[in-house]
Protein backbone atom coordinates (compact mmCIF):
# COMPACT_ATOMS: atom_id res chain seq x y z
CA MET A 1 40.49 -100.25 -79.14
CA SER A 2 43.94 -100.12 -77.26
CA GLY A 3 45.05 -102.57 -74.22
CA GLU A 4 44.72 -99.76 -71.78
CA PHE A 5 40.98 -99.22 -72.78
CA ILE A 6 40.10 -102.78 -72.41
CA ALA A 7 42.01 -103.04 -68.93
CA PHE A 8 40.11 -99.66 -67.87
CA ILE A 9 36.80 -101.52 -68.86
CA VAL A 10 37.17 -104.74 -67.38
CA LEU A 11 38.49 -103.18 -63.85
CA SER A 12 35.88 -100.58 -63.85
CA LEU A 13 33.26 -103.73 -64.47
CA ILE A 14 34.71 -105.72 -61.88
CA ALA A 15 34.63 -102.63 -59.36
CA ILE A 16 30.66 -101.86 -60.12
CA SER A 17 29.85 -105.38 -60.07
CA GLY A 18 31.54 -105.82 -56.94
CA GLY A 19 29.71 -102.93 -55.18
CA ILE A 20 26.37 -104.19 -56.65
CA LEU A 21 26.96 -107.50 -55.59
CA MET A 22 27.93 -106.42 -51.85
CA ILE A 23 24.44 -104.36 -51.82
CA ASN A 24 22.54 -107.34 -52.87
CA LEU A 25 24.30 -110.46 -51.13
CA GLU A 26 22.68 -111.83 -48.03
CA LYS A 27 25.60 -113.39 -46.31
CA VAL A 28 27.78 -111.14 -44.76
CA VAL A 29 31.28 -113.01 -45.57
CA HIS A 30 30.06 -112.92 -49.28
CA MET A 31 29.65 -109.25 -48.99
CA VAL A 32 33.08 -108.94 -47.84
CA VAL A 33 34.63 -110.81 -50.48
CA ALA A 34 32.71 -108.54 -52.96
CA LEU A 35 33.92 -105.61 -51.30
CA VAL A 36 37.66 -107.39 -51.56
CA PHE A 37 37.17 -107.79 -55.58
CA THR A 38 35.85 -103.78 -55.67
CA PHE A 39 39.06 -102.69 -53.60
CA ILE A 40 41.46 -104.87 -55.87
CA SER A 41 40.01 -103.55 -58.90
CA ILE A 42 40.30 -99.97 -57.84
CA ALA A 43 43.81 -100.54 -57.15
CA GLY A 44 44.23 -101.61 -60.51
CA LEU A 45 42.84 -98.34 -62.01
CA TYR A 46 45.28 -96.34 -59.83
CA VAL A 47 48.09 -98.47 -61.12
CA MET A 48 46.67 -97.42 -64.56
CA LEU A 49 46.87 -93.87 -63.39
CA HIS A 50 50.66 -94.04 -62.72
CA ALA A 51 49.56 -93.84 -58.73
CA GLU A 52 51.52 -97.18 -57.72
CA PHE A 53 51.89 -95.81 -54.16
CA ILE A 54 48.11 -95.09 -53.95
CA ALA A 55 47.73 -98.36 -55.32
CA ALA A 56 49.68 -100.30 -52.64
CA VAL A 57 48.27 -98.53 -50.20
CA GLN A 58 44.70 -99.47 -51.39
CA VAL A 59 45.64 -102.97 -51.30
CA LEU A 60 47.28 -102.88 -48.16
CA ILE A 61 45.16 -100.80 -45.84
CA TYR A 62 41.56 -101.61 -47.66
CA SER A 63 41.94 -105.07 -48.90
CA GLY A 64 43.91 -106.24 -46.01
CA ALA A 65 43.38 -104.19 -43.07
CA ILE A 66 39.87 -103.04 -43.50
CA THR A 67 38.68 -106.44 -44.71
CA ILE A 68 40.32 -108.40 -41.88
CA ILE A 69 38.65 -105.76 -39.16
CA MET A 70 35.08 -106.39 -41.10
CA LEU A 71 35.71 -110.11 -40.54
CA PHE A 72 36.52 -109.55 -36.73
CA GLY A 73 33.47 -107.51 -36.63
CA ILE A 74 31.30 -110.18 -38.09
CA MET A 75 32.73 -112.83 -35.85
CA LEU A 76 32.14 -110.61 -32.64
CA THR A 77 28.73 -109.57 -33.40
CA ARG A 78 25.39 -111.87 -33.68
CA HIS A 79 24.23 -111.56 -37.29
CA ASN A 80 21.77 -114.27 -37.48
CA ASP A 81 18.85 -112.21 -37.31
CA THR A 82 15.88 -113.66 -39.35
CA SER A 83 13.28 -110.81 -39.02
CA GLU A 84 14.25 -108.85 -42.15
CA GLN A 85 11.79 -108.97 -45.08
CA ARG A 86 12.52 -109.93 -48.53
CA ILE A 87 12.94 -107.39 -50.91
CA SER A 88 10.19 -107.48 -54.00
CA ILE A 89 11.00 -107.91 -57.43
CA VAL A 90 9.41 -104.40 -58.47
CA ARG A 91 11.83 -102.61 -55.91
CA LYS A 92 14.77 -104.65 -57.43
CA VAL A 93 13.68 -103.43 -60.70
CA LEU A 94 13.48 -99.90 -59.45
CA LEU A 95 16.88 -100.04 -58.04
CA LEU A 96 18.42 -101.40 -61.48
CA LEU A 97 16.72 -98.45 -63.12
CA GLY A 98 17.82 -96.01 -60.67
CA ILE A 99 21.57 -97.37 -61.08
CA MET A 100 21.34 -97.30 -64.81
CA GLY A 101 19.75 -93.75 -64.97
CA PHE A 102 22.78 -92.47 -62.56
CA GLY A 103 25.19 -94.24 -64.72
CA VAL A 104 23.78 -92.41 -67.85
CA ALA A 105 23.76 -89.05 -65.99
CA VAL A 106 27.48 -89.52 -65.02
CA TYR A 107 28.27 -90.65 -68.75
CA LEU A 108 26.44 -87.69 -70.28
CA GLY A 109 27.99 -85.13 -67.58
CA ILE A 110 31.61 -86.31 -68.44
CA TYR A 111 31.54 -87.27 -72.18
CA ASN A 112 32.20 -84.12 -73.53
CA LEU A 113 34.20 -82.78 -70.56
CA ASP A 114 37.39 -80.78 -71.36
CA PHE A 115 40.13 -80.33 -68.84
CA GLY A 116 42.54 -78.96 -71.44
CA GLN A 117 46.06 -79.30 -71.40
CA GLN A 118 47.77 -80.33 -68.19
CA GLU A 119 51.28 -81.16 -67.19
CA SER A 120 52.28 -84.59 -68.14
CA THR A 121 55.05 -84.75 -65.43
CA LEU A 122 52.18 -85.14 -62.62
CA TYR A 123 53.13 -88.63 -61.81
CA GLU A 124 56.97 -88.50 -61.35
CA ASN A 125 58.04 -88.82 -57.82
CA ASN A 126 54.44 -88.88 -56.66
CA THR A 127 55.35 -91.06 -53.61
CA GLU A 128 58.11 -88.28 -52.54
CA GLN A 129 55.46 -85.64 -53.21
CA ILE A 130 52.80 -87.41 -50.95
CA GLY A 131 55.40 -87.95 -48.08
CA ILE A 132 56.66 -84.07 -48.14
CA GLU A 133 52.75 -83.14 -48.48
CA LEU A 134 51.56 -85.60 -45.74
CA PHE A 135 54.36 -84.69 -43.25
CA SER A 136 54.81 -81.29 -43.62
CA LYS A 137 51.54 -79.61 -43.97
CA TYR A 138 49.23 -82.30 -42.74
CA VAL A 139 51.02 -83.66 -39.55
CA ILE A 140 48.50 -82.83 -37.15
CA PRO A 141 45.40 -84.23 -39.07
CA PHE A 142 47.39 -87.48 -39.75
CA GLU A 143 47.99 -88.06 -36.17
CA VAL A 144 44.51 -86.96 -35.12
CA THR A 145 43.13 -89.54 -37.53
CA SER A 146 45.22 -92.29 -36.21
CA VAL A 147 44.10 -91.23 -32.48
CA VAL A 148 40.38 -91.42 -33.81
CA LEU A 149 40.84 -94.75 -35.40
CA LEU A 150 42.36 -95.92 -32.02
CA VAL A 151 39.60 -94.79 -30.16
CA ALA A 152 37.11 -96.51 -32.29
CA LEU A 153 38.73 -99.59 -32.01
CA ILE A 154 38.77 -99.55 -28.29
CA GLY A 155 35.00 -98.53 -28.12
CA ALA A 156 34.20 -101.39 -30.48
CA ILE A 157 35.97 -103.81 -28.21
CA VAL A 158 34.37 -102.26 -25.00
CA LEU A 159 30.97 -102.32 -26.55
CA ALA A 160 31.25 -106.14 -27.81
CA LYS A 161 32.46 -107.04 -24.36
CA LYS A 162 29.71 -105.19 -22.64
CA ASN A 163 27.18 -107.06 -24.75
CA ASP A 164 28.81 -110.35 -23.89
CA GLU A 165 28.84 -109.60 -20.06
CA GLU A 166 24.85 -108.52 -20.58
CA GLU A 167 24.05 -111.85 -22.11
CA GLU A 168 25.89 -113.77 -19.33
CA ALA A 169 23.89 -111.94 -16.82
CA GLU A 170 20.56 -112.76 -18.76
CA LYS A 171 21.42 -116.45 -18.70
CA GLU A 172 22.06 -116.61 -15.05
């Protein structure tokens, strides 16, 4: 067993555990913390793949920006709904069996997979290659994505403001 294999196993287990915790926790803030652990461990996996730029983007965008946006969303919305029913232990066991079955299927699917010989210089100048591809071939989708994100942010603010105005009108 090499150190790289042990690091892969640890980071993978943290990512999987964070995802499972995010689904099963009840408090939204705890879910966001579990999601941050997942994002950071995935960034560690990117570092192991020699994709340092993608790892830095993962930490900056997902672990930073997306998490803060989610926390703002939590603070802007009313999330103290108590009408949700408790999940029975049978459903939890079935969910665990389903997850384990999926894991076994994925493992069996990729265990003997052979990609053949590939170029070993794939990760050299990867940041430069990403920049050239992004700003030469994919400029329009890149800009459209930024406009869509801006419209979604403005829409969320308008919806949150509209709900506050409706609640104030009901109080009067």
